[in-house]
Amino acid sequence: MTTPALDAWHDLVRRRDASALDDMLADDCVFHSPIVHTPQRGKALSKLYLTGAILLLGGEDFHYVREIVGERDAMLEFRAVVDGIEVNGVDIVRWNDAGKIVDFKVMVRPLKAIHLLHAKMAAQLEKMKALA
């Protein structure tokens, strides 16, 4: 099963073009990080975190290995390699009737990958904030 919202997400990931997030995220989107305790609320924060993740994880070693898709939500299991560490995780995505993402949750394993991503994502976000 596929949906226009899911097709757009896959296209964004394939192109590594985070600018497409402007059209894909609902204004009230909530991003749930595997690292940050509190949900990141709003389009701007969701875009910031998703852009960082795309830049960090979205290389040639990133690929989705399984999808479970419903009418307005999907669970996308991914694998990536970052600094020689295999990262396994899931993106749990929900979109509204207009096809805009309203909730995006990332879960990652193993613990070694979480520690690595925590350090790298913090550095990536600081770099992005400095450029803004």
Protein backbone atom coordinates (compact mmCIF):
# COMPACT_ATOMS: atom_id res chain seq x y z
CA MET A 1 0.00 0.00 0.00
CA THR A 2 1.20 3.49 -0.73
CA THR A 3 -0.17 6.98 -0.22
CA PRO A 4 0.74 10.37 -1.71
CA ALA A 5 2.10 11.48 1.69
CA LEU A 6 4.31 8.40 1.96
CA ASP A 7 5.46 8.71 -1.65
CA ALA A 8 6.45 12.33 -0.98
CA TRP A 9 8.40 11.27 2.12
CA HIS A 10 10.31 8.59 0.21
CA ASP A 11 11.09 11.10 -2.54
CA LEU A 12 12.42 13.59 0.04
CA VAL A 13 14.64 10.92 1.63
CA ARG A 14 15.88 9.71 -1.75
CA ARG A 15 16.81 13.26 -2.81
CA ARG A 16 17.95 14.30 0.71
CA ASP A 17 16.04 17.52 0.09
CA ALA A 18 14.83 18.81 3.44
CA SER A 19 13.39 21.94 1.79
CA ALA A 20 10.40 19.81 0.82
CA LEU A 21 9.51 19.59 4.54
CA ASP A 22 7.94 23.04 4.33
CA ASP A 23 5.11 21.61 2.25
CA MET A 24 4.94 18.25 4.01
CA LEU A 25 4.65 19.26 7.68
CA ALA A 26 1.47 20.50 9.31
CA ASP A 27 1.84 23.69 11.35
CA ASP A 28 1.09 21.74 14.54
CA CYS A 29 3.43 18.83 13.73
CA VAL A 30 5.05 17.09 16.70
CA PHE A 31 8.45 15.40 16.47
CA HIS A 32 9.44 12.73 19.00
CA SER A 33 13.20 12.26 19.19
CA PRO A 34 14.84 9.06 20.42
CA ILE A 35 17.19 11.30 22.42
CA VAL A 36 15.22 14.33 23.61
CA HIS A 37 12.77 13.63 26.43
CA THR A 38 10.07 16.14 25.48
CA PRO A 39 8.19 16.22 22.19
CA GLN A 40 9.31 18.98 19.83
CA ARG A 41 6.14 20.86 18.96
CA GLY A 42 5.47 22.90 15.87
CA LYS A 43 6.53 22.93 12.26
CA ALA A 44 9.79 24.85 12.82
CA LEU A 45 11.18 22.50 15.47
CA SER A 46 9.98 19.40 13.63
CA LYS A 47 11.68 20.64 10.47
CA LEU A 48 14.90 21.39 12.36
CA TYR A 49 15.13 17.88 13.82
CA LEU A 50 14.08 16.10 10.64
CA THR A 51 16.56 18.13 8.59
CA GLY A 52 19.33 17.20 11.01
CA ALA A 53 18.36 13.54 10.83
CA ILE A 54 18.26 13.58 7.02
CA LEU A 55 21.72 15.14 6.88
CA LEU A 56 23.12 12.75 9.48
CA LEU A 57 21.50 9.47 8.48
CA GLY A 58 20.40 9.99 4.90
CA GLY A 59 23.54 8.87 3.09
CA GLU A 60 24.12 5.89 0.84
CA ASP A 61 24.05 3.53 3.82
CA PHE A 62 20.48 4.51 4.75
CA HIS A 63 17.61 2.40 3.52
CA TYR A 64 14.16 1.37 4.61
CA VAL A 65 13.87 -2.39 5.06
CA ARG A 66 10.21 -2.79 6.00
CA GLU A 67 7.00 -0.77 5.94
CA ILE A 68 3.68 -1.18 7.65
CA VAL A 69 1.26 1.28 6.09
CA GLY A 70 -2.26 2.34 7.00
CA GLU A 71 -4.59 4.95 5.57
CA ARG A 72 -3.05 7.85 7.51
CA ASP A 73 0.02 6.38 9.20
CA ALA A 74 3.08 4.26 8.58
CA MET A 75 5.86 2.48 10.45
CA LEU A 76 9.06 2.50 8.43
CA GLU A 77 11.94 0.37 9.67
CA PHE A 78 15.35 1.62 8.58
CA ARG A 79 18.99 0.65 8.70
CA ALA A 80 21.97 2.93 8.34
CA VAL A 81 25.67 2.90 9.10
CA VAL A 82 27.17 5.92 10.86
CA ASP A 83 30.89 5.93 11.65
CA GLY A 84 30.97 2.16 11.28
CA ILE A 85 28.09 1.63 13.73
CA GLU A 86 24.95 -0.05 12.41
CA VAL A 87 21.84 1.89 13.32
CA ASN A 88 18.46 0.17 13.29
CA GLY A 89 15.31 2.15 13.89
CA VAL A 90 11.76 3.00 12.99
CA ASP A 91 10.05 6.13 11.83
CA ILE A 92 6.42 6.18 12.93
CA VAL A 93 4.61 8.78 10.85
CA ARG A 94 1.02 10.05 10.96
CA TRP A 95 -0.50 12.51 8.53
CA ASN A 96 -3.80 14.37 8.40
CA ASP A 97 -6.55 14.29 5.77
CA ALA A 98 -4.64 16.92 3.77
CA GLY A 99 -1.59 14.64 3.62
CA LYS A 100 0.49 16.80 5.96
CA ILE A 101 2.64 15.10 8.59
CA VAL A 102 1.21 15.76 12.07
CA ASP A 103 3.32 13.36 14.13
CA PHE A 104 6.77 11.89 13.53
CA LYS A 105 8.38 9.56 16.06
CA VAL A 106 11.85 8.03 15.72
CA MET A 107 13.00 5.04 17.75
CA VAL A 108 16.56 3.73 17.49
CA ARG A 109 18.62 0.75 18.64
CA PRO A 110 21.15 -0.46 19.77
CA LEU A 111 22.34 1.63 22.72
CA LYS A 112 25.73 2.20 21.07
CA ALA A 113 23.92 3.78 18.10
CA ILE A 114 21.83 5.98 20.38
CA HIS A 115 24.93 7.36 22.08
CA LEU A 116 26.60 8.01 18.73
CA LEU A 117 23.52 9.71 17.27
CA HIS A 118 23.09 11.81 20.40
CA ALA A 119 26.57 13.31 20.01
CA LYS A 120 26.39 13.70 16.25
CA MET A 121 22.86 15.14 16.22
CA ALA A 122 23.76 17.69 18.91
CA ALA A 123 26.68 18.85 16.78
CA GLN A 124 24.54 18.89 13.63
CA LEU A 125 21.80 20.97 15.29
CA GLU A 126 24.35 23.47 16.63
CA LYS A 127 25.86 23.80 13.17
CA MET A 128 22.42 24.35 11.62
CA LYS A 129 21.47 26.95 14.24
CA ALA A 130 24.73 28.83 13.60
CA LEU A 131 23.95 28.99 9.88
CA ALA A 132 20.39 30.23 10.41
